[in-house]
C-alpha atoms as a PDB file:
ATOM      1  CA  MET A   1      -2.590   9.419  10.100  1.00  0.00           C
ATOM      2  CA  GLY A   2      -4.388  10.604   6.944  1.00  0.00           C
ATOM      3  CA  ALA A   3      -5.160  13.718   7.995  1.00  0.00           C
ATOM      4  CA  VAL A   4      -1.926  14.295   9.562  1.00  0.00           C
ATOM      5  CA  LEU A   5      -0.123  13.399   5.947  1.00  0.00           C
ATOM      6  CA  PHE A   6      -2.266  16.138   4.728  1.00  0.00           C
ATOM      7  CA  TYR A   7      -1.080  18.901   7.459  1.00  0.00           C
ATOM      8  CA  LEU A   8       2.038  17.760   6.805  1.00  0.00           C
ATOM      9  CA  LEU A   9       1.758  18.273   2.738  1.00  0.00           C
ATOM     10  CA  TYR A  10       0.282  21.253   3.471  1.00  0.00           C
ATOM     11  CA  GLY A  11       3.961  22.680   5.066  1.00  0.00           C
ATOM     12  CA  VAL A  12       6.032  21.103   2.604  1.00  0.00           C
ATOM     13  CA  VAL A  13       4.165  22.346  -0.523  1.00  0.00           C
ATOM     14  CA  GLY A  14       2.746  25.501   0.586  1.00  0.00           C
ATOM     15  CA  PRO A  15      -1.210  26.908   0.707  1.00  0.00           C
ATOM     16  CA  GLU A  16      -1.202  27.552  -2.585  1.00  0.00           C
ATOM     17  CA  ARG A  17       0.788  24.584  -4.400  1.00  0.00           C
ATOM     18  CA  PHE A  18      -1.488  22.242  -1.498  1.00  0.00           C
ATOM     19  CA  ARG A  19      -4.815  23.951  -2.496  1.00  0.00           C
ATOM     20  CA  ALA A  20      -3.881  23.268  -5.872  1.00  0.00           C
ATOM     21  CA  ILE A  21      -2.956  19.160  -5.412  1.00  0.00           C
ATOM     22  CA  ILE A  22      -6.136  19.298  -3.793  1.00  0.00           C
ATOM     23  CA  GLY A  23      -8.617  21.265  -6.159  1.00  0.00           C
ATOM     24  CA  GLY A  24      -6.811  19.528  -8.991  1.00  0.00           C
ATOM     25  CA  PHE A  25      -7.184  15.984  -7.945  1.00  0.00           C
ATOM     26  CA  TYR A  26     -10.889  16.537  -7.081  1.00  0.00           C
ATOM     27  CA  ARG A  27     -11.685  18.160 -10.616  1.00  0.00           C
ATOM     28  CA  GLN A  28      -9.315  15.650 -12.246  1.00  0.00           C
ATOM     29  CA  TYR A  29     -10.992  11.875 -10.230  1.00  0.00           C
ATOM     30  CA  ALA A  30     -13.984  12.747  -9.069  1.00  0.00           C
ATOM     31  CA  GLU A  31     -15.894  10.641 -11.713  1.00  0.00           C
ATOM     32  CA  ALA A  32     -13.617   7.966 -12.535  1.00  0.00           C
ATOM     33  CA  GLY A  33     -11.582   7.704  -9.041  1.00  0.00           C
ATOM     34  CA  GLY A  34      -8.251   7.827  -8.361  1.00  0.00           C
ATOM     35  CA  GLY A  35      -6.342   5.812  -6.036  1.00  0.00           C
ATOM     36  CA  THR A  36      -2.869   5.617  -4.174  1.00  0.00           C
ATOM     37  CA  ASP A  37      -0.711   5.928  -6.913  1.00  0.00           C
ATOM     38  CA  ASP A  38      -2.587   8.323  -8.752  1.00  0.00           C
ATOM     39  CA  PHE A  39      -2.755  11.129  -6.237  1.00  0.00           C
ATOM     40  CA  VAL A  40       1.138  10.602  -5.488  1.00  0.00           C
ATOM     41  CA  ALA A  41       1.373  11.455  -8.601  1.00  0.00           C
ATOM     42  CA  PHE A  42      -0.744  13.957  -9.419  1.00  0.00           C
ATOM     43  CA  ALA A  43       0.632  16.080  -5.956  1.00  0.00           C
ATOM     44  CA  SER A  44       4.168  15.676  -7.711  1.00  0.00           C
ATOM     45  CA  LYS A  45       3.372  17.380 -10.747  1.00  0.00           C
ATOM     46  CA  THR A  46       1.416  19.717  -9.706  1.00  0.00           C
ATOM     47  CA  ALA A  47       3.602  20.917  -6.793  1.00  0.00           C
ATOM     48  CA  GLY A  48       6.798  20.475  -9.195  1.00  0.00           C
ATOM     49  CA  LEU A  49       8.757  19.159  -6.496  1.00  0.00           C
ATOM     50  CA  ASN A  50       9.873  15.125  -5.938  1.00  0.00           C
ATOM     51  CA  LEU A  51       7.520  14.317  -3.219  1.00  0.00           C
ATOM     52  CA  THR A  52       8.770  10.377  -3.473  1.00  0.00           C
ATOM     53  CA  LYS A  53      10.551  10.434   0.200  1.00  0.00           C
ATOM     54  CA  ALA A  54       7.614  11.523   1.654  1.00  0.00           C
ATOM     55  CA  PHE A  55       5.017   9.289   0.762  1.00  0.00           C
ATOM     56  CA  ASP A  56       6.879   6.139   0.689  1.00  0.00           C
ATOM     57  CA  ASP A  57       7.257   7.397   4.253  1.00  0.00           C
ATOM     58  CA  TRP A  58       3.846   8.291   5.080  1.00  0.00           C
ATOM     59  CA  VAL A  59       1.720   5.767   2.740  1.00  0.00           C
ATOM     60  CA  TYR A  60       4.159   2.686   1.261  1.00  0.00           C
ATOM     61  CA  THR A  61       6.414   2.042   4.826  1.00  0.00           C
ATOM     62  CA  VAL A  62       6.310   3.076   8.286  1.00  0.00           C
ATOM     63  CA  GLY A  63       9.258   5.511   8.086  1.00  0.00           C
ATOM     64  CA  TRP A  64       7.025   7.792   9.530  1.00  0.00           C
ATOM     65  CA  TRP A  65       6.920   6.166  12.681  1.00  0.00           C
ATOM     66  CA  ASP A  66      10.559   6.267  13.344  1.00  0.00           C
ATOM     67  CA  ALA A  67      10.549  10.172  12.717  1.00  0.00           C
ATOM     68  CA  ILE A  68       7.843  10.330  15.449  1.00  0.00           C
ATOM     69  CA  GLN A  69       8.727   7.839  17.893  1.00  0.00           C
ATOM     70  CA  GLY A  70      12.563   9.390  17.539  1.00  0.00           C
ATOM     71  CA  GLY A  71      10.501  12.829  18.880  1.00  0.00           C
ATOM     72  CA  ALA A  72      10.468  14.742  15.725  1.00  0.00           C
ATOM     73  CA  THR A  73       8.127  17.904  15.793  1.00  0.00           C
ATOM     74  CA  TYR A  74       6.278  19.010  12.794  1.00  0.00           C
ATOM     75  CA  GLN A  75       8.306  21.763  11.383  1.00  0.00           C
ATOM     76  CA  GLU A  76      11.343  18.987  11.578  1.00  0.00           C
ATOM     77  CA  LEU A  77       9.327  16.733   9.189  1.00  0.00           C
ATOM     78  CA  VAL A  78       8.684  19.745   7.178  1.00  0.00           C
ATOM     79  CA  GLN A  79      12.319  20.564   6.956  1.00  0.00           C
ATOM     80  CA  ARG A  80      12.880  16.365   6.506  1.00  0.00           C
ATOM     81  CA  TYR A  81      10.569  16.117   3.419  1.00  0.00           C
ATOM     82  CA  ARG A  82      10.972  19.453   1.971  1.00  0.00           C
ATOM     83  CA  PRO A  83      12.347  18.789  -1.562  1.00  0.00           C
ATOM     84  CA  ARG A  84      15.795  21.006  -1.567  1.00  0.00           C
END
């Protein structure tokens, strides 16, 4: 599920913001380590988007499973989680 979450995040925020999130998180937490909450906060701040719904569904609950079972396509998932 982890790889799918990162692929979804890439689709939601776009390639430039995705690289900024991944690279920036690594640089900031490489020595001290960072947890899930750190990543969620860092990703939202770096992207300048409220990514709470995506992370709530994909990390903290099983909301993602309901969408997958319902037949949602990748593009539908990206639209579902892209903040308006």
